[in-house]
Amino acid sequence: MSVRVRFAPSPTGSLHVGNALTAVANRTFADAHAGTLVLRIDDTDASRSVAGGEEAILDDLAWLVVAFDEGPVRQSGRGPLYAEAAERALTSGVAARDADGAIRLSGTAGTTLLRADGSATYQLASVVDDLDLRITHVLRGSDHRPNVEIQQAIARAVGGELPDVIHHGLVLGPDGKKLSKRHGHSSISELRDAGFPAAAVRAYLDELDLPAHDVHLDLPRLRRLAVDAIAAMGDEELAAAAGASVEAAPVLRGARTLVEARAYAGLVLAPQPVELPSDSALTLDRFVELRAAAAERLAAEEARALVRELKAVGGDLRALRLALTGAPTGPELAALLVALPRAEALARATRPR
């Protein structure tokens, strides 16, 4: 039997980091067994669905490069399948119909299968879909452990057997509680907005794999992976991510996040006017002399040599940075000199001061 797994989020918006871990784990498991990943949207509870929720999930999966082979299968369009399964449970005598029309499973604290309005509960829809879609393995967070016994009973009641279930640990906040918005960085959209490259987030989730126990979100590790991911980007990819020209790539490469890279791009593309120290003239004059005599574009070693020359004569490198970018801090000065063509560097260094 070929392996078939599923990722089944509710359409509540951007994926929680723990849900993203489940998505990656299912994709990895399917790939390791030459299997199939089905995307299922668990939207039986309309009160939990939000406008654009499914689109946000699809965007997150694409950003993380988590492809699915089938789907999305939406539970909201499968009502007749669930009703038929509930009827089988009635016929077999393991379920009963209430006076209000709801159908409940006997022997499991009256677990509801169909509500009085005929809509399926999460428990019934999840089990029926796993059977109908021929899912062989269910990989999900350990918060679903309490559902196993109930879902096994439902599967047998409708004439099937629950797939093999593998639970993984949850992603917790620093306080040891389940990660939530109050912790920050709890969703994929928050990580993306904070400037973490997709490759860094995916690498982090890949490293977690299928944790046997709960884990704390490791932001320092994510930040290190972000630096590595930015360093590994090609010049064109990095410049595009920062909204800059490819010539600015040397400056962007020193950034720790894409947000910082975009800020660095702003220093290159649109420096802010600033008041320079009164004693900066000697440094800027020497810089102009050195830069005017060099090539239109500096190689990295040429830029570093120019900075060393200014240091050797006691130059005020902070004043030079202010003149070139309008900011007291920012990317490595030598990288900035590589990014700025000669005419632009000279124009900024000779602005009225």
Protein backbone atom coordinates (compact mmCIF):
# COMPACT_ATOMS: atom_id res chain seq x y z
CA MET A 1 0.00 0.00 0.00
CA SER A 2 1.41 3.39 -0.95
CA VAL A 3 1.81 5.96 1.80
CA ARG A 4 -0.79 8.72 1.88
CA VAL A 5 -0.71 11.50 4.46
CA ARG A 6 -2.73 14.68 4.89
CA PHE A 7 -2.32 18.17 6.24
CA ALA A 8 -5.66 19.44 7.50
CA PRO A 9 -5.69 23.05 8.74
CA SER A 10 -8.78 25.08 9.53
CA PRO A 11 -9.09 28.26 7.41
CA THR A 12 -8.37 30.64 10.28
CA GLY A 13 -5.58 32.63 8.62
CA SER A 14 -1.81 32.38 8.50
CA LEU A 15 -0.41 29.11 9.77
CA HIS A 16 0.61 28.88 13.41
CA VAL A 17 4.26 27.80 13.67
CA GLY A 18 3.12 24.49 15.17
CA ASN A 19 0.78 23.86 12.23
CA ALA A 20 3.58 24.74 9.84
CA LEU A 21 5.72 22.12 11.60
CA THR A 22 2.96 19.58 10.96
CA ALA A 23 2.79 20.57 7.29
CA VAL A 24 6.54 20.19 6.82
CA ALA A 25 6.59 16.90 8.73
CA ASN A 26 3.87 15.45 6.51
CA ARG A 27 5.64 16.59 3.34
CA THR A 28 8.92 15.10 4.55
CA PHE A 29 7.23 11.82 5.52
CA ALA A 30 5.51 11.56 2.15
CA ASP A 31 8.76 12.25 0.31
CA ALA A 32 10.69 9.71 2.40
CA HIS A 33 8.17 7.00 1.46
CA ALA A 34 7.51 8.04 -2.15
CA GLY A 35 4.02 8.85 -0.97
CA THR A 36 1.28 11.43 -1.46
CA LEU A 37 0.38 14.51 0.58
CA VAL A 38 -3.26 15.61 0.51
CA LEU A 39 -4.23 19.12 1.57
CA ARG A 40 -7.58 19.11 3.35
CA ILE A 41 -9.31 22.25 4.58
CA ASP A 42 -11.23 21.49 7.78
CA ASP A 43 -14.00 24.06 7.43
CA THR A 44 -16.97 22.30 8.99
CA ASP A 45 -17.09 24.93 11.75
CA ALA A 46 -18.09 28.10 9.92
CA SER A 47 -17.68 30.17 13.09
CA ARG A 48 -13.91 29.55 13.02
CA SER A 49 -13.40 30.31 9.33
CA VAL A 50 -12.19 33.79 8.41
CA ALA A 51 -12.34 35.60 5.09
CA GLY A 52 -9.16 34.89 3.17
CA GLY A 53 -8.14 32.21 5.65
CA GLU A 54 -7.62 29.49 3.07
CA GLU A 55 -5.70 31.84 0.77
CA ALA A 56 -3.40 32.75 3.66
CA ILE A 57 -2.67 29.06 4.25
CA LEU A 58 -1.93 28.46 0.57
CA ASP A 59 0.40 31.48 0.54
CA ASP A 60 2.23 30.21 3.62
CA LEU A 61 2.67 26.72 2.15
CA ALA A 62 3.99 28.16 -1.11
CA TRP A 63 6.37 30.46 0.81
CA LEU A 64 7.70 27.49 2.79
CA VAL A 65 7.93 25.39 -0.41
CA VAL A 66 5.57 22.76 0.98
CA ALA A 67 3.85 21.33 -2.07
CA PHE A 68 0.76 19.13 -1.87
CA ASP A 69 -0.08 16.42 -4.38
CA GLU A 70 -3.86 16.44 -4.05
CA GLY A 71 -6.38 19.03 -2.91
CA PRO A 72 -7.33 21.27 -1.44
CA VAL A 73 -10.25 19.06 -0.38
CA ARG A 74 -12.80 21.19 1.48
CA GLN A 75 -14.95 19.53 4.09
CA SER A 76 -17.71 22.08 3.53
CA GLY A 77 -18.47 20.41 0.20
CA ARG A 78 -18.60 16.83 1.49
CA GLY A 79 -21.78 16.87 3.60
CA PRO A 80 -23.49 13.95 1.82
CA LEU A 81 -20.47 11.73 2.50
CA TYR A 82 -20.67 12.45 6.23
CA ALA A 83 -24.44 11.96 6.33
CA GLU A 84 -24.08 8.58 4.66
CA ALA A 85 -21.42 7.53 7.17
CA ALA A 86 -23.63 8.59 10.09
CA GLU A 87 -26.47 6.53 8.67
CA ARG A 88 -24.17 3.48 8.56
CA ALA A 89 -23.42 4.00 12.23
CA LEU A 90 -27.16 4.14 12.93
CA THR A 91 -27.80 0.98 10.92
CA SER A 92 -25.05 -0.93 12.74
CA GLY A 93 -26.63 0.02 16.06
CA VAL A 94 -23.64 1.87 17.50
CA ALA A 95 -25.24 5.29 17.14
CA ALA A 96 -28.63 6.75 17.97
CA ARG A 97 -30.69 9.69 16.77
CA ASP A 98 -31.76 12.26 19.37
CA ALA A 99 -35.18 13.81 19.46
CA ASP A 100 -33.75 16.96 17.85
CA GLY A 101 -32.35 14.96 14.94
CA ALA A 102 -28.71 14.90 16.03
CA ILE A 103 -26.87 11.59 15.72
CA ARG A 104 -24.63 10.52 18.57
CA LEU A 105 -22.24 7.61 19.01
CA SER A 106 -23.11 5.26 21.84
CA GLY A 107 -20.53 4.35 24.46
CA THR A 108 -18.23 7.36 24.04
CA ALA A 109 -19.89 9.90 26.32
CA GLY A 110 -22.39 10.57 23.56
CA THR A 111 -19.98 11.90 20.97
CA THR A 112 -21.97 13.84 18.37
CA LEU A 113 -21.53 12.75 14.76
CA LEU A 114 -24.14 14.93 13.08
CA ARG A 115 -25.63 18.03 14.65
CA ALA A 116 -29.35 18.67 14.65
CA ASP A 117 -28.99 20.80 11.52
CA GLY A 118 -27.38 17.87 9.69
CA SER A 119 -23.83 19.27 9.70
CA ALA A 120 -20.96 16.99 10.60
CA THR A 121 -18.79 17.52 13.65
CA TYR A 122 -15.01 17.72 13.42
CA GLN A 123 -14.65 14.21 14.80
CA LEU A 124 -16.90 12.54 12.21
CA ALA A 125 -15.70 14.59 9.24
CA SER A 126 -12.03 14.02 10.07
CA VAL A 127 -12.43 10.25 10.38
CA VAL A 128 -14.63 9.87 7.29
CA ASP A 129 -12.24 11.94 5.19
CA ASP A 130 -9.22 9.94 6.34
CA LEU A 131 -11.01 6.76 5.29
CA ASP A 132 -12.38 8.13 2.02
CA LEU A 133 -9.05 9.68 1.00
CA ARG A 134 -7.24 6.42 1.85
CA ILE A 135 -4.92 8.09 4.34
CA THR A 136 -2.42 5.58 5.71
CA HIS A 137 -0.67 7.73 8.34
CA VAL A 138 -1.85 10.74 10.35
CA LEU A 139 0.96 13.00 11.58
CA ARG A 140 -0.29 15.70 13.94
CA GLY A 141 0.42 17.59 17.16
CA SER A 142 0.24 15.86 20.52
CA ASP A 143 -2.71 18.04 21.54
CA HIS A 144 -4.78 15.63 19.42
CA ARG A 145 -3.88 12.58 21.55
CA PRO A 146 -7.21 12.69 23.43
CA ASN A 147 -9.02 12.28 20.10
CA VAL A 148 -7.50 8.89 19.26
CA GLU A 149 -9.88 6.67 21.23
CA ILE A 150 -12.98 8.54 20.05
CA GLN A 151 -11.84 8.55 16.42
CA GLN A 152 -11.01 4.84 16.53
CA ALA A 153 -14.56 4.19 17.74
CA ILE A 154 -16.03 6.38 15.00
CA ALA A 155 -13.94 4.65 12.32
CA ARG A 156 -15.20 1.26 13.40
CA ALA A 157 -18.76 2.54 13.65
CA VAL A 158 -18.72 3.60 9.99
CA GLY A 159 -17.01 0.42 8.84
CA GLY A 160 -13.31 1.23 8.78
CA GLU A 161 -10.12 1.42 10.81
CA LEU A 162 -8.29 4.59 11.80
CA PRO A 163 -4.94 5.08 10.00
CA ASP A 164 -1.69 4.82 11.93
CA VAL A 165 -1.37 7.96 14.06
CA ILE A 166 1.95 9.64 14.89
CA HIS A 167 1.95 12.57 17.30
CA HIS A 168 4.70 15.16 17.57
CA GLY A 169 5.48 17.65 20.30
CA LEU A 170 4.01 21.15 20.32
CA VAL A 171 5.87 24.43 19.79
CA LEU A 172 5.77 26.42 23.02
CA GLY A 173 6.51 30.00 23.94
CA PRO A 174 9.29 31.07 26.32
CA ASP A 175 6.90 30.69 29.24
CA GLY A 176 6.33 27.02 28.45
CA LYS A 177 2.76 27.62 27.30
CA LYS A 178 1.41 26.84 23.84
CA LEU A 179 2.71 29.42 21.40
CA SER A 180 0.20 32.20 20.75
CA LYS A 181 -0.01 35.76 19.47
CA ARG A 182 0.90 37.15 22.88
CA HIS A 183 4.38 35.66 22.45
CA GLY A 184 4.98 37.25 19.03
CA HIS A 185 6.47 35.35 16.08
CA SER A 186 3.71 32.76 16.53
CA SER A 187 2.61 32.55 12.90
CA ILE A 188 4.28 32.26 9.54
CA SER A 189 3.03 35.72 8.54
CA GLU A 190 4.62 37.23 11.66
CA LEU A 191 7.94 35.59 10.88
CA ARG A 192 7.73 36.76 7.27
CA ASP A 193 6.88 40.32 8.35
CA ALA A 194 9.81 40.27 10.78
CA GLY A 195 12.13 39.64 7.84
CA PHE A 196 12.99 35.98 8.32
CA PRO A 197 13.70 34.48 4.87
CA ALA A 198 11.54 31.53 3.87
CA ALA A 199 14.62 29.32 3.61
CA ALA A 200 15.50 30.05 7.25
CA VAL A 201 12.03 29.21 8.55
CA ARG A 202 11.86 26.04 6.48
CA ALA A 203 15.33 25.00 7.65
CA TYR A 204 14.28 25.51 11.27
CA LEU A 205 11.14 23.40 10.82
CA ASP A 206 13.18 20.73 9.04
CA GLU A 207 15.58 20.66 11.99
CA LEU A 208 12.71 20.12 14.44
CA ASP A 209 11.58 17.14 12.35
CA LEU A 210 9.06 15.18 14.47
CA PRO A 211 9.93 16.20 18.03
CA ALA A 212 8.98 13.51 20.53
CA HIS A 213 8.38 16.15 23.18
CA ASP A 214 7.26 19.76 23.25
CA VAL A 215 9.87 22.32 22.15
CA HIS A 216 10.32 26.02 22.80
CA LEU A 217 10.43 28.33 19.80
CA ASP A 218 14.15 29.06 19.43
CA LEU A 219 14.34 32.60 18.05
CA PRO A 220 18.15 32.82 18.40
CA ARG A 221 18.44 29.72 16.22
CA LEU A 222 16.00 31.20 13.71
CA ARG A 223 18.06 34.40 13.60
CA ARG A 224 21.26 32.46 12.93
CA LEU A 225 19.53 30.56 10.14
CA ALA A 226 18.28 33.88 8.74
CA VAL A 227 21.83 35.21 8.51
CA ASP A 228 22.90 32.00 6.76
CA ALA A 229 19.96 32.17 4.34
CA ILE A 230 20.67 35.79 3.40
CA ALA A 231 24.34 34.97 2.89
CA ALA A 232 23.37 32.10 0.58
CA MET A 233 21.08 34.21 -1.62
CA GLY A 234 22.24 35.22 -5.05
CA ASP A 235 22.67 38.94 -5.66
CA GLU A 236 19.54 39.25 -7.79
CA GLU A 237 17.36 37.29 -5.34
CA LEU A 238 18.59 39.32 -2.37
CA ALA A 239 18.20 42.64 -4.16
CA ALA A 240 14.67 41.75 -5.21
CA ALA A 241 13.77 40.78 -1.63
CA ALA A 242 15.05 44.16 -0.42
CA GLY A 243 13.53 46.20 -3.24
CA ALA A 244 16.94 47.38 -4.41
CA SER A 245 19.08 47.25 -7.51
CA VAL A 246 21.49 44.37 -7.82
CA GLU A 247 24.42 46.78 -7.39
CA ALA A 248 23.33 47.24 -3.77
CA ALA A 249 23.75 43.53 -2.98
CA PRO A 250 27.14 43.92 -1.21
CA VAL A 251 25.49 46.20 1.33
CA LEU A 252 22.46 43.96 1.81
CA ARG A 253 24.51 40.84 2.40
CA GLY A 254 25.52 42.00 5.87
CA ALA A 255 21.90 42.25 7.02
CA ARG A 256 20.51 39.92 9.66
CA THR A 257 16.93 40.00 8.36
CA LEU A 258 15.21 41.07 5.17
CA VAL A 259 13.68 43.98 7.07
CA GLU A 260 17.20 45.14 7.90
CA ALA A 261 18.23 44.51 4.29
CA ARG A 262 15.44 46.80 3.11
CA ALA A 263 16.58 49.45 5.57
CA TYR A 264 20.13 49.12 4.23
CA ALA A 265 18.78 49.48 0.70
CA GLY A 266 17.17 52.72 1.76
CA LEU A 267 20.53 54.05 2.94
CA VAL A 268 21.99 53.32 -0.49
CA LEU A 269 19.07 54.53 -2.57
CA ALA A 270 17.79 57.48 -0.58
CA PRO A 271 20.13 58.79 2.15
CA GLN A 272 18.59 61.25 4.56
CA PRO A 273 20.03 64.75 4.91
CA VAL A 274 22.06 65.07 8.06
CA GLU A 275 24.21 67.62 9.83
CA LEU A 276 27.86 66.55 9.79
CA PRO A 277 30.34 67.17 12.61
CA SER A 278 32.22 70.45 12.22
CA ASP A 279 35.57 68.65 12.20
CA SER A 280 34.64 66.15 9.47
CA ALA A 281 36.13 68.17 6.60
CA LEU A 282 39.61 66.62 6.74
CA THR A 283 38.25 63.07 6.60
CA LEU A 284 35.82 63.82 3.79
CA ASP A 285 38.43 65.71 1.78
CA ARG A 286 40.85 62.79 2.07
CA PHE A 287 38.07 60.37 1.10
CA VAL A 288 37.25 62.45 -1.98
CA GLU A 289 40.93 62.45 -2.96
CA LEU A 290 41.22 58.68 -2.61
CA ARG A 291 37.89 57.84 -4.20
CA ALA A 292 38.36 60.19 -7.17
CA ALA A 293 41.60 58.44 -8.05
CA ALA A 294 40.03 54.96 -7.98
CA ALA A 295 37.84 53.07 -10.45
CA GLU A 296 34.18 53.80 -11.11
CA ARG A 297 33.29 50.66 -9.16
CA LEU A 298 35.44 49.37 -6.32
CA ALA A 299 36.15 45.71 -5.78
CA ALA A 300 35.74 44.49 -2.21
CA GLU A 301 39.47 44.48 -1.46
CA GLU A 302 39.89 47.95 -2.96
CA ALA A 303 37.10 49.25 -0.72
CA ARG A 304 38.66 47.68 2.36
CA ALA A 305 42.05 49.18 1.44
CA LEU A 306 40.48 52.64 1.18
CA VAL A 307 38.91 52.27 4.62
CA ARG A 308 42.25 51.13 6.06
CA GLU A 309 43.94 54.17 4.54
CA LEU A 310 41.45 56.50 6.21
CA LYS A 311 41.92 54.70 9.53
CA ALA A 312 45.68 55.03 9.22
CA VAL A 313 45.45 58.82 9.05
CA GLY A 314 42.97 59.03 11.92
CA GLY A 315 39.94 59.58 9.72
CA ASP A 316 36.49 59.95 11.25
CA LEU A 317 34.73 56.95 9.74
CA ARG A 318 31.50 57.80 11.52
CA ALA A 319 31.43 61.15 9.76
CA LEU A 320 32.06 59.45 6.42
CA ARG A 321 29.18 57.03 7.07
CA LEU A 322 26.91 59.95 7.94
CA ALA A 323 27.87 61.73 4.73
CA LEU A 324 27.25 58.65 2.57
CA THR A 325 24.06 57.32 4.20
CA GLY A 326 22.64 59.94 6.53
CA ALA A 327 22.71 57.39 9.37
CA PRO A 328 25.23 56.79 12.18
CA THR A 329 25.02 53.01 11.88
CA GLY A 330 24.36 50.55 9.12
CA PRO A 331 26.12 48.11 6.84
CA GLU A 332 29.87 47.60 6.70
CA LEU A 333 31.48 50.74 5.36
CA ALA A 334 33.60 48.87 2.81
CA ALA A 335 30.46 47.14 1.46
CA LEU A 336 28.83 50.54 1.10
CA LEU A 337 31.79 51.78 -0.95
CA VAL A 338 31.45 48.76 -3.23
CA ALA A 339 27.75 49.49 -3.76
CA LEU A 340 28.10 53.21 -4.51
CA PRO A 341 29.55 54.19 -7.89
CA ARG A 342 32.31 56.80 -7.83
CA ALA A 343 30.19 59.76 -8.94
CA GLU A 344 27.51 59.09 -6.34
CA ALA A 345 30.01 58.57 -3.53
CA LEU A 346 31.78 61.81 -4.40
CA ALA A 347 28.51 63.72 -4.64
CA ARG A 348 27.46 62.62 -1.19
CA ALA A 349 30.84 63.35 0.34
CA THR A 350 30.93 66.87 -1.10
CA ARG A 351 27.41 67.94 -0.19
CA PRO A 352 27.27 71.31 1.59
CA ARG A 353 28.12 70.83 5.22
